[in-house]
Amino acid sequence: MKKRKKKTFLSSFERLIYQLFAFIIILLIVGIVCSETSLAQMNLDIQKLDSEVEKQRKRIESLNMKIDEMTSLDNIKEIGERYGLTYHSENIKTIK
């Protein structure tokens, strides 16, 4: 009769090591997923802020153009004539 080899099961220490390893791997995967999610959310927020900044830039540019139009010589003369004033170029100052 041949002797059968007994199946050797893992010792409790080896089992603990494997479970700990699996737990660490799962924690790493969850951590990576969470960090990628927060990174994607931050990128979305940055894009929203960039679009708001661009809108404000366009608004500022539009207002600067309006200021330039209002301080043009023709506009100043027209308003001055409307109020009965005369034009003296040395009295005109442009503030920017």
C-alpha atoms as a PDB file:
ATOM      1  CA  MET A   1       0.000   0.000   0.000  1.00  0.00           C
ATOM      2  CA  LYS A   2       1.204   3.375  -0.950  1.00  0.00           C
ATOM      3  CA  LYS A   3       1.111   6.103   1.555  1.00  0.00           C
ATOM      4  CA  ARG A   4      -0.923   9.057   0.570  1.00  0.00           C
ATOM      5  CA  LYS A   5       0.552  12.406   1.147  1.00  0.00           C
ATOM      6  CA  LYS A   6      -1.528  14.569   3.341  1.00  0.00           C
ATOM      7  CA  LYS A   7      -2.626  17.801   1.846  1.00  0.00           C
ATOM      8  CA  THR A   8      -0.755  20.490   3.598  1.00  0.00           C
ATOM      9  CA  PHE A   9      -2.932  23.414   4.386  1.00  0.00           C
ATOM     10  CA  LEU A  10      -1.531  26.798   4.981  1.00  0.00           C
ATOM     11  CA  SER A  11      -0.513  27.514   8.487  1.00  0.00           C
ATOM     12  CA  SER A  12      -2.464  30.156  10.336  1.00  0.00           C
ATOM     13  CA  PHE A  13       0.464  32.574  10.029  1.00  0.00           C
ATOM     14  CA  GLU A  14       0.639  32.119   6.252  1.00  0.00           C
ATOM     15  CA  ARG A  15      -3.121  32.580   5.996  1.00  0.00           C
ATOM     16  CA  LEU A  16      -2.863  35.790   8.024  1.00  0.00           C
ATOM     17  CA  ILE A  17      -0.098  37.074   5.739  1.00  0.00           C
ATOM     18  CA  TYR A  18      -2.160  36.369   2.597  1.00  0.00           C
ATOM     19  CA  GLN A  19      -5.258  38.009   4.054  1.00  0.00           C
ATOM     20  CA  LEU A  20      -3.250  41.033   5.099  1.00  0.00           C
ATOM     21  CA  PHE A  21      -1.723  41.264   1.627  1.00  0.00           C
ATOM     22  CA  ALA A  22      -5.168  41.046  -0.018  1.00  0.00           C
ATOM     23  CA  PHE A  23      -6.525  43.700   2.369  1.00  0.00           C
ATOM     24  CA  ILE A  24      -3.646  46.054   1.556  1.00  0.00           C
ATOM     25  CA  ILE A  25      -4.181  45.566  -2.181  1.00  0.00           C
ATOM     26  CA  ILE A  26      -7.891  46.354  -1.814  1.00  0.00           C
ATOM     27  CA  LEU A  27      -7.094  49.474   0.226  1.00  0.00           C
ATOM     28  CA  LEU A  28      -4.636  50.647  -2.419  1.00  0.00           C
ATOM     29  CA  ILE A  29      -7.198  50.165  -5.186  1.00  0.00           C
ATOM     30  CA  VAL A  30      -9.854  52.082  -3.241  1.00  0.00           C
ATOM     31  CA  GLY A  31      -7.351  54.851  -2.484  1.00  0.00           C
ATOM     32  CA  ILE A  32      -6.383  55.191  -6.128  1.00  0.00           C
ATOM     33  CA  VAL A  33     -10.017  55.358  -7.228  1.00  0.00           C
ATOM     34  CA  CYS A  34     -10.814  58.000  -4.584  1.00  0.00           C
ATOM     35  CA  SER A  35      -7.816  60.135  -5.509  1.00  0.00           C
ATOM     36  CA  GLU A  36      -8.651  59.954  -9.220  1.00  0.00           C
ATOM     37  CA  THR A  37     -12.232  60.976  -8.472  1.00  0.00           C
ATOM     38  CA  SER A  38     -11.150  63.987  -6.432  1.00  0.00           C
ATOM     39  CA  LEU A  39      -8.634  64.929  -9.126  1.00  0.00           C
ATOM     40  CA  ALA A  40     -11.348  64.820 -11.789  1.00  0.00           C
ATOM     41  CA  GLN A  41     -13.594  67.009  -9.613  1.00  0.00           C
ATOM     42  CA  MET A  42     -10.773  69.538  -9.138  1.00  0.00           C
ATOM     43  CA  ASN A  43     -10.168  69.649 -12.889  1.00  0.00           C
ATOM     44  CA  LEU A  44     -13.864  70.321 -13.453  1.00  0.00           C
ATOM     45  CA  ASP A  45     -13.777  73.158 -10.914  1.00  0.00           C
ATOM     46  CA  ILE A  46     -10.675  74.614 -12.587  1.00  0.00           C
ATOM     47  CA  GLN A  47     -12.397  74.569 -15.976  1.00  0.00           C
ATOM     48  CA  LYS A  48     -15.423  76.374 -14.531  1.00  0.00           C
ATOM     49  CA  LEU A  49     -13.180  79.007 -12.960  1.00  0.00           C
ATOM     50  CA  ASP A  50     -11.265  79.450 -16.212  1.00  0.00           C
ATOM     51  CA  SER A  51     -14.499  80.081 -18.105  1.00  0.00           C
ATOM     52  CA  GLU A  52     -15.588  82.627 -15.468  1.00  0.00           C
ATOM     53  CA  VAL A  53     -12.213  84.374 -15.718  1.00  0.00           C
ATOM     54  CA  GLU A  54     -12.549  84.521 -19.496  1.00  0.00           C
ATOM     55  CA  LYS A  55     -16.041  86.031 -19.208  1.00  0.00           C
ATOM     56  CA  GLN A  56     -14.731  88.691 -16.837  1.00  0.00           C
ATOM     57  CA  ARG A  57     -11.812  89.434 -19.185  1.00  0.00           C
ATOM     58  CA  LYS A  58     -14.228  89.969 -22.057  1.00  0.00           C
ATOM     59  CA  ARG A  59     -16.407  92.185 -19.858  1.00  0.00           C
ATOM     60  CA  ILE A  60     -13.403  94.279 -18.808  1.00  0.00           C
ATOM     61  CA  GLU A  61     -12.297  94.599 -22.419  1.00  0.00           C
ATOM     62  CA  SER A  62     -15.789  95.712 -23.410  1.00  0.00           C
ATOM     63  CA  LEU A  63     -15.869  98.299 -20.625  1.00  0.00           C
ATOM     64  CA  ASN A  64     -12.434  99.605 -21.622  1.00  0.00           C
ATOM     65  CA  MET A  65     -13.673 100.024 -25.188  1.00  0.00           C
ATOM     66  CA  LYS A  66     -16.707 101.895 -23.885  1.00  0.00           C
ATOM     67  CA  ILE A  67     -14.441 104.180 -21.853  1.00  0.00           C
ATOM     68  CA  ASP A  68     -12.332 104.849 -24.943  1.00  0.00           C
ATOM     69  CA  GLU A  69     -15.479 105.706 -26.921  1.00  0.00           C
ATOM     70  CA  MET A  70     -16.754 108.034 -24.220  1.00  0.00           C
ATOM     71  CA  THR A  71     -13.429 109.861 -23.913  1.00  0.00           C
ATOM     72  CA  SER A  72     -13.047 110.342 -27.650  1.00  0.00           C
ATOM     73  CA  LEU A  73     -12.595 113.907 -28.821  1.00  0.00           C
ATOM     74  CA  ASP A  74     -15.789 113.860 -30.897  1.00  0.00           C
ATOM     75  CA  ASN A  75     -17.877 112.710 -27.942  1.00  0.00           C
ATOM     76  CA  ILE A  76     -16.353 115.342 -25.640  1.00  0.00           C
ATOM     77  CA  LYS A  77     -17.024 118.094 -28.184  1.00  0.00           C
ATOM     78  CA  GLU A  78     -20.608 116.943 -28.676  1.00  0.00           C
ATOM     79  CA  ILE A  79     -21.349 116.884 -24.942  1.00  0.00           C
ATOM     80  CA  GLY A  80     -19.615 120.225 -24.458  1.00  0.00           C
ATOM     81  CA  GLU A  81     -21.677 121.848 -27.206  1.00  0.00           C
ATOM     82  CA  ARG A  82     -24.839 120.402 -25.710  1.00  0.00           C
ATOM     83  CA  TYR A  83     -24.126 122.224 -22.464  1.00  0.00           C
ATOM     84  CA  GLY A  84     -22.904 125.406 -24.135  1.00  0.00           C
ATOM     85  CA  LEU A  85     -19.222 124.878 -23.424  1.00  0.00           C
ATOM     86  CA  THR A  86     -16.319 125.669 -25.715  1.00  0.00           C
ATOM     87  CA  TYR A  87     -13.441 123.388 -26.614  1.00  0.00           C
ATOM     88  CA  HIS A  88      -9.960 124.092 -25.231  1.00  0.00           C
ATOM     89  CA  SER A  89      -7.605 121.169 -25.818  1.00  0.00           C
ATOM     90  CA  GLU A  90      -5.292 122.091 -22.929  1.00  0.00           C
ATOM     91  CA  ASN A  91      -8.155 121.636 -20.422  1.00  0.00           C
ATOM     92  CA  ILE A  92      -8.952 118.045 -21.457  1.00  0.00           C
ATOM     93  CA  LYS A  93      -7.438 115.232 -19.382  1.00  0.00           C
ATOM     94  CA  THR A  94      -7.913 111.531 -19.901  1.00  0.00           C
ATOM     95  CA  ILE A  95      -7.895 109.303 -16.837  1.00  0.00           C
ATOM     96  CA  LYS A  96      -7.028 105.632 -17.231  1.00  0.00           C
END
